[in-house]
Amino acid sequence: MDFDKYINMTLEGQVLAGNIPSILGEDGIKTYLILFQNNMELRPTGGFIGSYGLATFDSGRLSDLTINDVYSADGQLNGHVEPPAPIKDYLGEANWWLRDSNWDPDFPTSAQRAEWFLNKEVGKNVDGVAAIDLSPIKDILSETGPVYLSDFDLTITGDNLYEKVEAEVQNNSFPGTHQKPVS
């Protein structure tokens, strides 16, 4: 057992717990950008940003949560943002977008860049940024067992999560967007 890991998690949890009232909007409305990263398509902070969410907290409760396709935001960017050379050379992209804003392995740097892109693309300012990939969701499902998603008529398990999410992404892209790449 890795005791150092659990000690670090406990210490980080204590810091987080002390800040929860402020994070949850005790002193005013707070909105956070949540980057949903596909860790099956590697990027420096953990995966390709395929979707993003905006979570708003007011007086300790979640007052709004919206999830959006990153391509719908990227399609609203006016002008050209010159990408770093590796994005041009290896990904073949002539422009830089929110979907690749996490190009720096230093998360605070990538988070600031994602905030900048969000503001330029959809005119929204946020109070912070978080990122999540499918690994913790897979771990949770492995412990809790299957979950039935009635809106999609799907049963998701820790074993089929990646496959089902990828199938939904590919089957439900909409006109005017780029179809998301298969990992």
N, C-alpha and C. Protein backbone atom coordinates (compact mmCIF):
# COMPACT_ATOMS: atom_id res chain seq x y z
N MET A 1 0.85 -1.18 0.00
CA MET A 1 0.00 0.00 0.00
C MET A 1 0.89 1.24 0.00
N ASP A 2 0.54 2.22 -0.80
CA ASP A 2 1.31 3.45 -0.94
C ASP A 2 0.79 4.49 0.05
N PHE A 3 1.35 4.50 1.27
CA PHE A 3 0.88 5.40 2.32
C PHE A 3 1.14 6.87 1.98
N ASP A 4 2.26 7.15 1.31
CA ASP A 4 2.55 8.54 0.93
C ASP A 4 1.45 9.10 0.03
N LYS A 5 0.95 8.27 -0.87
CA LYS A 5 -0.12 8.70 -1.76
C LYS A 5 -1.36 9.09 -0.95
N TYR A 6 -1.73 8.26 0.02
CA TYR A 6 -2.92 8.54 0.82
C TYR A 6 -2.72 9.72 1.77
N ILE A 7 -1.52 9.89 2.26
CA ILE A 7 -1.22 11.05 3.11
C ILE A 7 -1.37 12.33 2.28
N ASN A 8 -0.80 12.33 1.07
CA ASN A 8 -0.94 13.50 0.17
C ASN A 8 -2.39 13.78 -0.16
N MET A 9 -3.15 12.74 -0.46
CA MET A 9 -4.57 12.92 -0.78
C MET A 9 -5.31 13.52 0.41
N THR A 10 -4.99 13.07 1.62
CA THR A 10 -5.63 13.60 2.82
C THR A 10 -5.30 15.07 3.02
N LEU A 11 -4.04 15.43 2.84
CA LEU A 11 -3.63 16.83 3.00
C LEU A 11 -4.28 17.72 1.94
N GLU A 12 -4.34 17.24 0.70
CA GLU A 12 -4.99 18.01 -0.35
C GLU A 12 -6.49 18.13 -0.07
N GLY A 13 -7.08 17.08 0.46
CA GLY A 13 -8.50 17.10 0.82
C GLY A 13 -8.79 18.12 1.91
N GLN A 14 -7.88 18.26 2.87
CA GLN A 14 -8.07 19.25 3.93
C GLN A 14 -8.06 20.67 3.36
N VAL A 15 -7.13 20.95 2.46
CA VAL A 15 -7.07 22.28 1.83
C VAL A 15 -8.35 22.53 1.05
N LEU A 16 -8.76 21.53 0.28
CA LEU A 16 -9.98 21.67 -0.52
C LEU A 16 -11.20 21.89 0.39
N ALA A 17 -11.30 21.13 1.45
CA ALA A 17 -12.44 21.25 2.36
C ALA A 17 -12.55 22.66 2.95
N GLY A 18 -11.42 23.27 3.23
CA GLY A 18 -11.43 24.62 3.77
C GLY A 18 -11.91 25.67 2.77
N ASN A 19 -11.81 25.35 1.49
CA ASN A 19 -12.20 26.28 0.44
C ASN A 19 -13.57 25.98 -0.16
N ILE A 20 -14.21 24.91 0.24
CA ILE A 20 -15.48 24.50 -0.36
C ILE A 20 -16.55 25.58 -0.28
N PRO A 21 -16.75 26.25 0.85
CA PRO A 21 -17.80 27.29 0.86
C PRO A 21 -17.60 28.36 -0.22
N SER A 22 -16.38 28.83 -0.38
CA SER A 22 -16.11 29.83 -1.41
C SER A 22 -16.29 29.25 -2.81
N ILE A 23 -15.79 28.03 -3.03
CA ILE A 23 -15.93 27.37 -4.34
C ILE A 23 -17.39 27.23 -4.71
N LEU A 24 -18.23 26.92 -3.75
CA LEU A 24 -19.65 26.68 -4.01
C LEU A 24 -20.49 27.96 -3.98
N GLY A 25 -19.85 29.10 -4.02
CA GLY A 25 -20.59 30.34 -4.19
C GLY A 25 -21.16 30.94 -2.94
N GLU A 26 -20.57 30.67 -1.80
CA GLU A 26 -21.04 31.26 -0.55
C GLU A 26 -20.97 32.80 -0.59
N ASP A 27 -19.91 33.30 -1.24
CA ASP A 27 -19.70 34.75 -1.28
C ASP A 27 -20.05 35.36 -2.64
N GLY A 28 -20.85 34.68 -3.42
CA GLY A 28 -21.26 35.17 -4.73
C GLY A 28 -21.26 34.05 -5.76
N ILE A 29 -21.95 34.26 -6.84
CA ILE A 29 -22.07 33.24 -7.88
C ILE A 29 -20.70 32.92 -8.46
N LYS A 30 -20.42 31.62 -8.63
CA LYS A 30 -19.15 31.14 -9.19
C LYS A 30 -19.46 30.21 -10.35
N THR A 31 -18.76 30.41 -11.46
CA THR A 31 -18.90 29.54 -12.63
C THR A 31 -17.54 28.94 -12.96
N TYR A 32 -17.54 27.63 -13.23
CA TYR A 32 -16.31 26.91 -13.52
C TYR A 32 -16.40 26.22 -14.87
N LEU A 33 -15.27 26.22 -15.56
CA LEU A 33 -15.12 25.50 -16.82
C LEU A 33 -14.62 24.10 -16.49
N ILE A 34 -15.32 23.11 -16.99
CA ILE A 34 -14.92 21.71 -16.81
C ILE A 34 -14.54 21.18 -18.18
N LEU A 35 -13.29 20.74 -18.31
CA LEU A 35 -12.80 20.19 -19.57
C LEU A 35 -12.93 18.67 -19.51
N PHE A 36 -13.68 18.10 -20.42
CA PHE A 36 -13.83 16.65 -20.50
C PHE A 36 -12.80 16.14 -21.51
N GLN A 37 -11.79 15.45 -20.98
CA GLN A 37 -10.65 15.02 -21.78
C GLN A 37 -10.75 13.54 -22.11
N ASN A 38 -10.50 13.22 -23.36
CA ASN A 38 -10.47 11.82 -23.80
C ASN A 38 -9.04 11.32 -23.65
N ASN A 39 -8.78 10.59 -22.58
CA ASN A 39 -7.43 10.13 -22.30
C ASN A 39 -6.98 9.01 -23.25
N MET A 40 -7.85 8.60 -24.17
CA MET A 40 -7.45 7.64 -25.19
C MET A 40 -6.76 8.37 -26.37
N GLU A 41 -6.85 9.70 -26.40
CA GLU A 41 -6.16 10.51 -27.39
C GLU A 41 -5.32 11.51 -26.60
N LEU A 42 -4.07 11.20 -26.44
CA LEU A 42 -3.21 11.91 -25.51
C LEU A 42 -2.97 13.37 -25.86
N ARG A 43 -2.96 14.16 -24.82
CA ARG A 43 -2.55 15.57 -24.85
C ARG A 43 -1.80 15.80 -23.53
N PRO A 44 -1.02 16.88 -23.45
CA PRO A 44 -0.17 17.07 -22.28
C PRO A 44 -0.88 17.08 -20.92
N THR A 45 -2.14 17.56 -20.82
CA THR A 45 -2.79 17.55 -19.51
C THR A 45 -3.68 16.33 -19.30
N GLY A 46 -3.67 15.38 -20.22
CA GLY A 46 -4.40 14.14 -19.97
C GLY A 46 -5.31 13.66 -21.08
N GLY A 47 -5.55 14.44 -22.11
CA GLY A 47 -6.38 13.94 -23.20
C GLY A 47 -6.97 15.05 -24.05
N PHE A 48 -7.48 14.64 -25.19
CA PHE A 48 -8.12 15.56 -26.12
C PHE A 48 -9.39 16.12 -25.49
N ILE A 49 -9.58 17.42 -25.56
CA ILE A 49 -10.79 18.06 -25.03
C ILE A 49 -11.88 17.90 -26.08
N GLY A 50 -12.85 17.03 -25.82
CA GLY A 50 -13.94 16.79 -26.75
C GLY A 50 -15.20 17.55 -26.40
N SER A 51 -15.36 17.83 -25.12
CA SER A 51 -16.53 18.55 -24.63
C SER A 51 -16.09 19.41 -23.46
N TYR A 52 -16.94 20.36 -23.14
CA TYR A 52 -16.66 21.19 -21.96
C TYR A 52 -17.98 21.47 -21.26
N GLY A 53 -17.88 21.72 -19.99
CA GLY A 53 -19.07 22.05 -19.21
C GLY A 53 -18.87 23.37 -18.50
N LEU A 54 -19.98 24.01 -18.20
CA LEU A 54 -19.98 25.21 -17.37
C LEU A 54 -20.87 24.91 -16.17
N ALA A 55 -20.27 24.89 -15.00
CA ALA A 55 -20.99 24.60 -13.76
C ALA A 55 -21.05 25.88 -12.94
N THR A 56 -22.28 26.30 -12.59
CA THR A 56 -22.47 27.53 -11.82
C THR A 56 -23.02 27.17 -10.45
N PHE A 57 -22.39 27.75 -9.43
CA PHE A 57 -22.81 27.54 -8.04
C PHE A 57 -23.27 28.87 -7.46
N ASP A 58 -24.34 28.80 -6.68
CA ASP A 58 -24.88 29.99 -6.04
C ASP A 58 -25.35 29.61 -4.64
N SER A 59 -24.78 30.25 -3.65
CA SER A 59 -25.15 30.00 -2.24
C SER A 59 -25.08 28.53 -1.86
N GLY A 60 -24.04 27.86 -2.33
CA GLY A 60 -23.80 26.48 -1.93
C GLY A 60 -24.51 25.42 -2.75
N ARG A 61 -25.22 25.81 -3.79
CA ARG A 61 -25.90 24.78 -4.59
C ARG A 61 -25.57 24.97 -6.07
N LEU A 62 -25.60 23.87 -6.79
CA LEU A 62 -25.39 23.90 -8.23
C LEU A 62 -26.64 24.50 -8.86
N SER A 63 -26.51 25.68 -9.46
CA SER A 63 -27.68 26.35 -10.03
C SER A 63 -27.79 26.16 -11.54
N ASP A 64 -26.69 25.78 -12.18
CA ASP A 64 -26.74 25.55 -13.63
C ASP A 64 -25.57 24.67 -14.03
N LEU A 65 -25.83 23.76 -14.96
CA LEU A 65 -24.79 22.91 -15.53
C LEU A 65 -25.12 22.71 -16.99
N THR A 66 -24.23 23.12 -17.86
CA THR A 66 -24.41 22.88 -19.29
C THR A 66 -23.17 22.16 -19.81
N ILE A 67 -23.40 21.22 -20.71
CA ILE A 67 -22.32 20.49 -21.36
C ILE A 67 -22.41 20.80 -22.85
N ASN A 68 -21.27 21.12 -23.46
CA ASN A 68 -21.24 21.51 -24.87
C ASN A 68 -20.15 20.78 -25.62
N ASP A 69 -20.38 20.57 -26.89
CA ASP A 69 -19.38 20.03 -27.79
C ASP A 69 -18.33 21.11 -28.03
N VAL A 70 -17.07 20.78 -27.90
CA VAL A 70 -16.01 21.77 -28.05
C VAL A 70 -15.99 22.37 -29.46
N TYR A 71 -16.44 21.60 -30.45
CA TYR A 71 -16.43 22.12 -31.82
C TYR A 71 -17.45 23.24 -32.00
N SER A 72 -18.53 23.23 -31.24
CA SER A 72 -19.50 24.33 -31.37
C SER A 72 -18.90 25.63 -30.83
N ALA A 73 -18.07 25.56 -29.80
CA ALA A 73 -17.38 26.76 -29.31
C ALA A 73 -16.29 27.17 -30.29
N ASP A 74 -15.50 26.20 -30.74
CA ASP A 74 -14.40 26.51 -31.66
C ASP A 74 -14.91 27.17 -32.95
N GLY A 75 -16.10 26.79 -33.38
CA GLY A 75 -16.67 27.37 -34.59
C GLY A 75 -17.04 28.84 -34.45
N GLN A 76 -17.02 29.35 -33.22
CA GLN A 76 -17.39 30.75 -32.99
C GLN A 76 -16.17 31.67 -32.86
N LEU A 77 -14.97 31.11 -32.95
CA LEU A 77 -13.77 31.93 -32.82
C LEU A 77 -13.61 32.82 -34.04
N ASN A 78 -13.53 34.11 -33.80
CA ASN A 78 -13.29 35.08 -34.88
C ASN A 78 -11.80 35.33 -34.97
N GLY A 79 -11.27 35.21 -36.16
CA GLY A 79 -9.85 35.48 -36.35
C GLY A 79 -9.01 34.22 -36.31
N HIS A 80 -7.72 34.44 -36.34
CA HIS A 80 -6.74 33.36 -36.39
C HIS A 80 -5.88 33.41 -35.14
N VAL A 81 -5.67 32.25 -34.51
CA VAL A 81 -4.74 32.14 -33.39
C VAL A 81 -3.65 31.18 -33.84
N GLU A 82 -2.45 31.69 -33.94
CA GLU A 82 -1.32 30.88 -34.41
C GLU A 82 -1.01 29.79 -33.38
N PRO A 83 -1.03 28.53 -33.80
CA PRO A 83 -0.76 27.44 -32.86
C PRO A 83 0.73 27.24 -32.64
N PRO A 84 1.09 26.58 -31.55
CA PRO A 84 2.48 26.19 -31.36
C PRO A 84 2.93 25.28 -32.51
N ALA A 85 4.20 25.30 -32.82
CA ALA A 85 4.73 24.52 -33.94
C ALA A 85 4.34 23.03 -33.88
N PRO A 86 4.38 22.37 -32.72
CA PRO A 86 4.00 20.95 -32.72
C PRO A 86 2.54 20.70 -33.14
N ILE A 87 1.64 21.63 -32.82
CA ILE A 87 0.24 21.47 -33.24
C ILE A 87 0.16 21.57 -34.75
N LYS A 88 0.92 22.48 -35.33
CA LYS A 88 0.95 22.62 -36.80
C LYS A 88 1.63 21.40 -37.43
N ASP A 89 2.79 21.03 -36.89
CA ASP A 89 3.60 19.99 -37.51
C ASP A 89 3.03 18.58 -37.34
N TYR A 90 2.53 18.27 -36.14
CA TYR A 90 2.11 16.89 -35.87
C TYR A 90 0.61 16.67 -35.99
N LEU A 91 -0.17 17.71 -35.73
CA LEU A 91 -1.63 17.57 -35.83
C LEU A 91 -2.15 18.16 -37.14
N GLY A 92 -1.31 18.90 -37.85
CA GLY A 92 -1.71 19.48 -39.12
C GLY A 92 -2.74 20.59 -38.99
N GLU A 93 -2.78 21.25 -37.84
CA GLU A 93 -3.75 22.33 -37.61
C GLU A 93 -3.12 23.68 -37.94
N ALA A 94 -3.83 24.48 -38.73
CA ALA A 94 -3.34 25.82 -39.07
C ALA A 94 -3.78 26.86 -38.05
N ASN A 95 -4.73 26.51 -37.19
CA ASN A 95 -5.26 27.44 -36.19
C ASN A 95 -5.21 26.76 -34.84
N TRP A 96 -5.29 27.56 -33.79
CA TRP A 96 -5.32 27.04 -32.42
C TRP A 96 -6.71 27.26 -31.88
N TRP A 97 -7.24 26.28 -31.15
CA TRP A 97 -8.61 26.28 -30.67
C TRP A 97 -8.67 25.85 -29.21
N LEU A 98 -9.84 26.01 -28.61
CA LEU A 98 -10.07 25.50 -27.25
C LEU A 98 -9.74 24.02 -27.16
N ARG A 99 -10.09 23.25 -28.17
CA ARG A 99 -9.90 21.79 -28.11
C ARG A 99 -8.45 21.38 -27.91
N ASP A 100 -7.50 22.24 -28.29
CA ASP A 100 -6.08 21.95 -28.09
C ASP A 100 -5.41 22.95 -27.16
N SER A 101 -6.22 23.63 -26.36
CA SER A 101 -5.67 24.64 -25.45
C SER A 101 -4.83 24.03 -24.34
N ASN A 102 -4.98 22.74 -24.11
CA ASN A 102 -4.24 22.05 -23.05
C ASN A 102 -2.92 21.50 -23.55
N TRP A 103 -2.23 22.26 -24.38
CA TRP A 103 -0.99 21.80 -24.99
C TRP A 103 0.20 21.88 -24.04
N ASP A 104 0.10 22.63 -22.97
CA ASP A 104 1.20 22.75 -22.00
C ASP A 104 0.99 21.73 -20.89
N PRO A 105 2.01 20.95 -20.51
CA PRO A 105 1.83 19.96 -19.44
C PRO A 105 1.61 20.58 -18.06
N ASP A 106 1.89 21.87 -17.91
CA ASP A 106 1.63 22.57 -16.66
C ASP A 106 0.15 22.95 -16.65
N PHE A 107 -0.65 22.27 -15.80
CA PHE A 107 -2.09 22.48 -15.86
C PHE A 107 -2.51 23.93 -15.63
N PRO A 108 -1.95 24.66 -14.67
CA PRO A 108 -2.37 26.06 -14.51
C PRO A 108 -2.17 26.89 -15.79
N THR A 109 -1.10 26.63 -16.52
CA THR A 109 -0.87 27.34 -17.78
C THR A 109 -1.94 26.97 -18.80
N SER A 110 -2.20 25.67 -18.95
CA SER A 110 -3.23 25.23 -19.89
C SER A 110 -4.61 25.70 -19.47
N ALA A 111 -4.87 25.74 -18.17
CA ALA A 111 -6.17 26.21 -17.67
C ALA A 111 -6.39 27.68 -18.03
N GLN A 112 -5.36 28.50 -17.85
CA GLN A 112 -5.48 29.92 -18.22
C GLN A 112 -5.74 30.07 -19.72
N ARG A 113 -5.08 29.23 -20.50
CA ARG A 113 -5.28 29.29 -21.95
C ARG A 113 -6.70 28.86 -22.31
N ALA A 114 -7.22 27.83 -21.65
CA ALA A 114 -8.59 27.38 -21.91
C ALA A 114 -9.58 28.48 -21.56
N GLU A 115 -9.34 29.18 -20.44
CA GLU A 115 -10.20 30.31 -20.07
C GLU A 115 -10.17 31.39 -21.15
N TRP A 116 -8.98 31.67 -21.68
CA TRP A 116 -8.84 32.69 -22.71
C TRP A 116 -9.64 32.29 -23.96
N PHE A 117 -9.46 31.04 -24.40
CA PHE A 117 -10.19 30.57 -25.58
C PHE A 117 -11.70 30.61 -25.35
N LEU A 118 -12.14 30.17 -24.18
CA LEU A 118 -13.58 30.18 -23.88
C LEU A 118 -14.13 31.61 -24.00
N ASN A 119 -13.40 32.56 -23.45
CA ASN A 119 -13.84 33.95 -23.53
C ASN A 119 -13.89 34.45 -24.97
N LYS A 120 -12.87 34.14 -25.76
CA LYS A 120 -12.82 34.61 -27.15
C LYS A 120 -13.85 33.90 -28.02
N GLU A 121 -14.16 32.64 -27.72
CA GLU A 121 -15.08 31.87 -28.55
C GLU A 121 -16.54 32.09 -28.20
N VAL A 122 -16.86 32.10 -26.92
CA VAL A 122 -18.28 32.21 -26.53
C VAL A 122 -18.56 33.38 -25.60
N GLY A 123 -17.55 34.19 -25.32
CA GLY A 123 -17.75 35.39 -24.51
C GLY A 123 -18.04 35.12 -23.05
N LYS A 124 -17.55 34.02 -22.52
CA LYS A 124 -17.83 33.64 -21.13
C LYS A 124 -16.56 33.71 -20.30
N ASN A 125 -16.65 34.34 -19.12
CA ASN A 125 -15.57 34.34 -18.14
C ASN A 125 -15.91 33.34 -17.05
N VAL A 126 -14.88 32.70 -16.50
CA VAL A 126 -15.10 31.70 -15.45
C VAL A 126 -14.20 32.00 -14.25
N ASP A 127 -14.54 31.37 -13.14
CA ASP A 127 -13.80 31.55 -11.90
C ASP A 127 -12.74 30.49 -11.67
N GLY A 128 -12.69 29.49 -12.53
CA GLY A 128 -11.71 28.44 -12.39
C GLY A 128 -11.94 27.36 -13.43
N VAL A 129 -10.97 26.45 -13.51
CA VAL A 129 -11.00 25.37 -14.51
C VAL A 129 -10.65 24.05 -13.84
N ALA A 130 -11.38 23.01 -14.22
CA ALA A 130 -11.09 21.65 -13.79
C ALA A 130 -11.11 20.77 -15.03
N ALA A 131 -10.42 19.65 -14.97
CA ALA A 131 -10.42 18.70 -16.08
C ALA A 131 -10.66 17.30 -15.53
N ILE A 132 -11.35 16.50 -16.32
CA ILE A 132 -11.61 15.12 -15.93
C ILE A 132 -11.54 14.25 -17.18
N ASP A 133 -11.04 13.05 -17.00
CA ASP A 133 -11.07 12.09 -18.10
C ASP A 133 -11.90 10.89 -17.68
N LEU A 134 -11.93 9.87 -18.49
CA LEU A 134 -12.81 8.74 -18.22
C LEU A 134 -12.29 7.78 -17.15
N SER A 135 -11.01 7.85 -16.81
CA SER A 135 -10.45 6.90 -15.85
C SER A 135 -11.15 6.88 -14.49
N PRO A 136 -11.38 8.04 -13.83
CA PRO A 136 -12.05 7.96 -12.53
C PRO A 136 -13.50 7.48 -12.65
N ILE A 137 -14.14 7.80 -13.77
CA ILE A 137 -15.52 7.34 -13.97
C ILE A 137 -15.52 5.83 -14.13
N LYS A 138 -14.55 5.30 -14.87
CA LYS A 138 -14.42 3.85 -15.03
C LYS A 138 -14.18 3.19 -13.67
N ASP A 139 -13.31 3.78 -12.86
CA ASP A 139 -13.04 3.22 -11.53
C ASP A 139 -14.29 3.22 -10.65
N ILE A 140 -15.05 4.31 -10.70
CA ILE A 140 -16.28 4.39 -9.90
C ILE A 140 -17.27 3.32 -10.35
N LEU A 141 -17.45 3.19 -11.67
CA LEU A 141 -18.38 2.19 -12.19
C LEU A 141 -17.94 0.77 -11.86
N SER A 142 -16.64 0.55 -11.80
CA SER A 142 -16.13 -0.78 -11.43
C SER A 142 -16.50 -1.13 -9.99
N GLU A 143 -16.59 -0.09 -9.14
CA GLU A 143 -16.96 -0.31 -7.74
C GLU A 143 -18.47 -0.35 -7.53
N THR A 144 -19.20 0.53 -8.22
CA THR A 144 -20.65 0.64 -7.97
C THR A 144 -21.48 -0.34 -8.78
N GLY A 145 -20.94 -0.79 -9.91
CA GLY A 145 -21.71 -1.64 -10.80
C GLY A 145 -22.33 -0.83 -11.92
N PRO A 146 -23.09 -1.48 -12.79
CA PRO A 146 -23.63 -0.82 -13.99
C PRO A 146 -24.60 0.30 -13.68
N VAL A 147 -24.66 1.25 -14.61
CA VAL A 147 -25.61 2.36 -14.54
C VAL A 147 -26.39 2.37 -15.85
N TYR A 148 -27.72 2.44 -15.74
CA TYR A 148 -28.56 2.50 -16.92
C TYR A 148 -28.87 3.96 -17.24
N LEU A 149 -28.59 4.37 -18.47
CA LEU A 149 -28.87 5.73 -18.93
C LEU A 149 -30.10 5.66 -19.83
N SER A 150 -31.25 5.98 -19.27
CA SER A 150 -32.51 5.81 -19.99
C SER A 150 -32.60 6.71 -21.23
N ASP A 151 -32.01 7.91 -21.18
CA ASP A 151 -32.06 8.80 -22.34
C ASP A 151 -31.36 8.21 -23.56
N PHE A 152 -30.39 7.34 -23.31
CA PHE A 152 -29.61 6.74 -24.40
C PHE A 152 -29.93 5.26 -24.58
N ASP A 153 -30.74 4.70 -23.68
CA ASP A 153 -31.04 3.27 -23.66
C ASP A 153 -29.75 2.46 -23.63
N LEU A 154 -28.84 2.85 -22.73
CA LEU A 154 -27.54 2.20 -22.59
C LEU A 154 -27.28 1.82 -21.15
N THR A 155 -26.65 0.68 -20.98
CA THR A 155 -26.13 0.30 -19.68
C THR A 155 -24.62 0.44 -19.75
N ILE A 156 -24.09 1.25 -18.85
CA ILE A 156 -22.66 1.54 -18.82
C ILE A 156 -22.03 0.81 -17.64
N THR A 157 -20.90 0.16 -17.92
CA THR A 157 -20.12 -0.51 -16.87
C THR A 157 -18.68 -0.01 -16.96
N GLY A 158 -17.89 -0.36 -15.97
CA GLY A 158 -16.47 -0.03 -16.03
C GLY A 158 -15.79 -0.68 -17.22
N ASP A 159 -16.29 -1.84 -17.64
CA ASP A 159 -15.68 -2.56 -18.76
C ASP A 159 -16.07 -2.02 -20.13
N ASN A 160 -17.26 -1.40 -20.26
CA ASN A 160 -17.69 -0.94 -21.60
C ASN A 160 -17.73 0.58 -21.74
N LEU A 161 -17.29 1.31 -20.71
CA LEU A 161 -17.39 2.77 -20.72
C LEU A 161 -16.73 3.39 -21.94
N TYR A 162 -15.47 3.07 -22.20
CA TYR A 162 -14.75 3.68 -23.32
C TYR A 162 -15.46 3.39 -24.64
N GLU A 163 -15.83 2.14 -24.84
CA GLU A 163 -16.48 1.73 -26.08
C GLU A 163 -17.81 2.46 -26.29
N LYS A 164 -18.64 2.54 -25.26
CA LYS A 164 -19.95 3.18 -25.38
C LYS A 164 -19.84 4.68 -25.58
N VAL A 165 -18.94 5.33 -24.86
CA VAL A 165 -18.76 6.78 -25.02
C VAL A 165 -18.26 7.08 -26.42
N GLU A 166 -17.28 6.34 -26.89
CA GLU A 166 -16.74 6.56 -28.22
C GLU A 166 -17.81 6.35 -29.29
N ALA A 167 -18.64 5.33 -29.13
CA ALA A 167 -19.72 5.06 -30.10
C ALA A 167 -20.72 6.21 -30.11
N GLU A 168 -21.08 6.73 -28.93
CA GLU A 168 -22.03 7.85 -28.87
C GLU A 168 -21.45 9.10 -29.52
N VAL A 169 -20.17 9.36 -29.28
CA VAL A 169 -19.51 10.53 -29.86
C VAL A 169 -19.53 10.42 -31.38
N GLN A 170 -19.19 9.25 -31.90
CA GLN A 170 -19.13 9.07 -33.35
C GLN A 170 -20.51 9.08 -34.00
N ASN A 171 -21.49 8.48 -33.36
CA ASN A 171 -22.82 8.37 -33.95
C ASN A 171 -23.65 9.63 -33.84
N ASN A 172 -23.30 10.52 -32.92
CA ASN A 172 -24.13 11.68 -32.67
C ASN A 172 -23.46 13.01 -32.97
N SER A 173 -22.44 12.99 -33.85
CA SER A 173 -21.91 14.29 -34.27
C SER A 173 -22.98 14.93 -35.14
N PHE A 174 -22.99 16.24 -35.19
CA PHE A 174 -24.06 16.92 -35.90
C PHE A 174 -23.50 17.74 -37.06
N PRO A 175 -24.33 18.04 -38.05
CA PRO A 175 -23.87 18.79 -39.21
C PRO A 175 -23.22 20.11 -38.80
N GLY A 176 -22.15 20.45 -39.51
CA GLY A 176 -21.46 21.70 -39.22
C GLY A 176 -20.29 21.52 -38.28
N THR A 177 -20.15 20.32 -37.71
CA THR A 177 -18.99 20.08 -36.85
C THR A 177 -18.09 19.09 -37.56
N HIS A 178 -16.87 19.02 -37.07
CA HIS A 178 -15.98 17.98 -37.53
C HIS A 178 -16.35 16.73 -36.78
N GLN A 179 -16.36 15.61 -37.45
CA GLN A 179 -16.64 14.39 -36.72
C GLN A 179 -15.42 14.11 -35.85
N LYS A 180 -15.64 13.78 -34.62
CA LYS A 180 -14.55 13.58 -33.70
C LYS A 180 -13.77 12.32 -34.09
N PRO A 181 -12.47 12.35 -33.90
CA PRO A 181 -11.65 11.22 -34.30
C PRO A 181 -11.87 9.99 -33.42
N VAL A 182 -11.77 8.83 -34.03
CA VAL A 182 -11.85 7.58 -33.28
C VAL A 182 -10.47 7.31 -32.72
N SER A 183 -10.41 6.95 -31.45
CA SER A 183 -9.11 6.69 -30.81
C SER A 183 -8.54 5.37 -31.27
